[in-house]
Protein backbone atom coordinates (compact mmCIF):
# COMPACT_ATOMS: atom_id res chain seq x y z
CA MET A 1 29.99 106.99 -119.71
CA GLN A 2 28.51 104.53 -122.20
CA ARG A 3 27.23 106.06 -125.41
CA THR A 4 23.70 105.06 -126.43
CA LYS A 5 23.20 103.99 -130.01
CA SER A 6 20.79 106.12 -132.03
CA THR A 7 18.52 103.14 -132.63
CA ASP A 8 18.33 102.56 -128.85
CA ARG A 9 17.19 106.18 -128.42
CA VAL A 10 14.47 105.67 -131.04
CA ARG A 11 13.30 102.45 -129.36
CA ALA A 12 13.22 104.15 -125.93
CA ALA A 13 11.31 107.17 -127.26
CA ALA A 14 8.77 104.92 -128.99
CA THR A 15 8.29 102.89 -125.81
CA ALA A 16 7.85 106.06 -123.75
CA ALA A 17 5.22 107.25 -126.26
CA GLY A 18 3.37 103.93 -126.08
CA LEU A 19 4.30 103.05 -129.66
CA PRO A 20 5.39 99.44 -130.06
CA ILE A 21 7.94 99.19 -132.87
CA ASP A 22 10.24 96.52 -134.25
CA ILE A 23 13.45 98.07 -135.55
CA ARG A 24 14.89 96.17 -138.47
CA ALA A 25 18.52 96.38 -139.48
CA MET A 26 18.59 96.10 -143.26
CA PRO A 27 21.46 94.54 -145.22
CA GLN A 28 21.50 97.52 -147.59
CA SER A 29 21.27 101.28 -147.11
CA THR A 30 17.92 102.90 -146.40
CA ARG A 31 19.41 106.41 -146.58
CA THR A 32 17.12 107.63 -149.40
CA ALA A 33 13.40 107.07 -149.86
CA GLU A 34 14.11 104.99 -152.95
CA GLU A 35 16.67 102.80 -151.14
CA ALA A 36 14.33 102.38 -148.18
CA ALA A 37 11.40 101.41 -150.41
CA ALA A 38 13.52 98.79 -152.17
CA ALA A 39 14.84 97.40 -148.86
CA CYS A 40 11.36 97.28 -147.30
CA GLY A 41 9.60 95.93 -150.39
CA THR A 42 7.14 98.81 -150.46
CA SER A 43 6.33 101.91 -152.49
CA VAL A 44 8.32 105.14 -152.16
CA ALA A 45 5.07 106.83 -151.09
CA GLN A 46 5.02 104.67 -147.92
CA ILE A 47 8.45 105.86 -146.80
CA VAL A 48 8.48 108.60 -144.16
CA LYS A 49 11.16 111.19 -144.86
CA SER A 50 12.06 112.97 -141.60
CA LEU A 51 13.23 116.43 -142.68
CA ILE A 52 14.54 119.09 -140.32
CA PHE A 53 13.98 122.79 -141.01
CA ARG A 54 14.34 125.96 -138.96
CA LYS A 55 11.72 128.70 -138.83
CA ALA A 56 13.32 131.72 -140.49
CA GLU A 57 12.20 134.34 -137.98
CA SER A 58 12.03 132.55 -134.62
CA GLY A 59 14.82 130.04 -135.30
CA GLU A 60 12.63 127.24 -133.89
CA PRO A 61 13.52 123.86 -135.40
CA VAL A 62 10.72 121.82 -136.94
CA LEU A 63 10.43 118.24 -138.10
CA LEU A 64 8.43 117.48 -141.24
CA LEU A 65 7.35 113.86 -141.75
CA VAL A 66 6.90 113.66 -145.50
CA SER A 67 5.77 110.92 -147.87
CA GLY A 68 8.74 109.69 -149.89
CA ARG A 69 6.99 110.58 -153.15
CA ASN A 70 6.50 114.23 -152.17
CA ARG A 71 8.69 117.29 -152.22
CA VAL A 72 8.05 119.91 -149.56
CA ASP A 73 6.33 123.04 -150.86
CA GLN A 74 7.98 125.49 -148.46
CA THR A 75 5.53 128.28 -149.36
CA ALA A 76 2.52 126.07 -148.58
CA VAL A 77 4.09 124.86 -145.34
CA ALA A 78 4.92 128.43 -144.30
CA ALA A 79 1.27 129.34 -144.81
CA GLU A 80 0.25 126.38 -142.60
CA ILE A 81 2.68 127.04 -139.74
CA GLY A 82 2.90 130.82 -139.95
CA GLU A 83 6.57 131.24 -140.73
CA LYS A 84 8.97 130.73 -143.64
CA LEU A 85 11.29 127.71 -143.30
CA ASP A 86 15.01 127.46 -143.95
CA ARG A 87 16.83 124.18 -144.57
CA MET A 88 19.48 123.09 -142.12
CA ASP A 89 22.84 121.61 -143.08
CA ALA A 90 23.86 118.07 -142.15
CA ASP A 91 26.08 119.14 -139.22
CA ALA A 92 23.30 121.26 -137.69
CA VAL A 93 20.81 118.40 -138.10
CA ARG A 94 23.18 115.96 -136.36
CA GLU A 95 23.87 118.39 -133.51
CA LEU A 96 20.16 119.09 -133.01
CA THR A 97 18.82 115.55 -133.36
CA GLY A 98 21.74 113.22 -132.76
CA PHE A 99 20.97 111.57 -136.10
CA ALA A 100 22.91 111.67 -139.37
CA ILE A 101 21.09 112.65 -142.55
CA GLY A 102 19.59 109.46 -143.99
CA GLY A 103 18.87 108.09 -140.52
CA VAL A 104 16.82 110.90 -138.97
CA ALA A 105 14.00 109.24 -137.07
CA PRO A 106 10.57 110.76 -136.39
CA LEU A 107 11.14 110.35 -132.65
CA GLY A 108 14.12 110.12 -130.30
CA SER A 109 15.69 113.46 -131.20
CA LEU A 110 18.09 115.02 -128.68
CA THR A 111 16.04 118.24 -128.91
CA PRO A 112 12.23 118.41 -128.72
CA LEU A 113 10.86 119.34 -132.15
CA ALA A 114 7.56 120.78 -133.32
CA THR A 115 6.40 118.07 -135.71
CA PHE A 116 4.15 118.21 -138.78
CA MET A 117 3.03 115.17 -140.77
CA ASP A 118 2.21 114.98 -144.47
CA ALA A 119 -1.51 114.20 -144.84
CA ASP A 120 -0.61 111.91 -147.79
CA LEU A 121 0.90 109.38 -145.35
CA LEU A 122 -2.59 108.72 -143.98
CA GLU A 123 -3.53 106.97 -147.25
CA PHE A 124 -1.65 103.89 -146.04
CA GLU A 125 -2.24 101.28 -143.37
CA THR A 126 1.52 101.04 -142.77
CA VAL A 127 4.45 103.36 -143.45
CA TRP A 128 8.20 102.89 -142.91
CA ALA A 129 10.46 105.35 -141.09
CA ALA A 130 14.17 105.63 -140.31
CA ALA A 131 15.14 104.30 -136.90
CA GLY A 132 18.18 106.45 -136.17
CA ALA A 133 20.72 104.95 -138.61
CA PRO A 134 21.00 104.80 -142.42
CA TYR A 135 20.34 101.03 -142.40
CA ALA A 136 17.62 100.78 -139.73
CA VAL A 137 13.86 101.18 -140.21
CA PHE A 138 10.56 100.41 -138.53
CA SER A 139 7.02 100.06 -139.78
CA VAL A 140 4.12 101.83 -138.13
CA ALA A 141 0.52 102.89 -138.69
CA PRO A 142 0.69 106.57 -139.70
CA ARG A 143 -2.00 107.73 -137.26
CA ALA A 144 -0.18 105.98 -134.41
CA LEU A 145 3.05 107.72 -135.48
CA ALA A 146 1.29 111.09 -135.56
CA LYS A 147 -0.07 110.51 -132.07
CA ALA A 148 3.30 109.34 -130.68
CA THR A 149 5.16 112.33 -132.12
CA GLY A 150 2.46 114.90 -131.40
CA ALA A 151 2.47 115.75 -135.10
CA ARG A 152 -0.01 118.14 -136.58
CA ILE A 153 -1.26 116.78 -139.91
CA ILE A 154 -0.96 119.24 -142.78
CA ALA A 155 -0.65 119.32 -146.57
CA LEU A 156 3.08 119.43 -147.30
CA ARG A 157 3.03 119.57 -151.09
C-alpha cells in the first residue's frame, strides 16, 4: 500500500471542497506563525494557526482556525460553542489529523472536525495556512476557506 503524503491529502480535500489552492514548499520552516509570516512575506496576523482542542465533556475534537497574532481565549470560545475546551498533546493531534504540530492544515484531516474560524481573519483579502507539513503553505481568501471547511466564524480572543 502506498502512503499518501500529507500535502497530497490537503490538495485532495481542497479539490473536493471546490477550493483551488497552490501548495508552496518553502525553503525554511513554517512551523510557527512567525516563521510562516517571514517565509510568506506577510504579517503574522495573516497566518492561519490550525489548533486542535477536545471538548471537555463530550470529548468531541474541534479545529480552531486562528489569526497568528491572536491567542485563544478558551473561556470566550467555550461560551461560543457551549463547552469548555482542553488542549490535546502532539501525539493525539497526529493520530486524529494525520498532521504533525506545525503542519496541521485546515482541511484534509483523517478525522472530520467541527471547525471554527477566528473572525479577525476576515480582515484580510488573503491568508496563509499550513498545507500538511512544517514547510508547506497555501494562500487563500478567508471566506473561501471558511466555506470549504464548513467553519463557523466566531470571536476567538
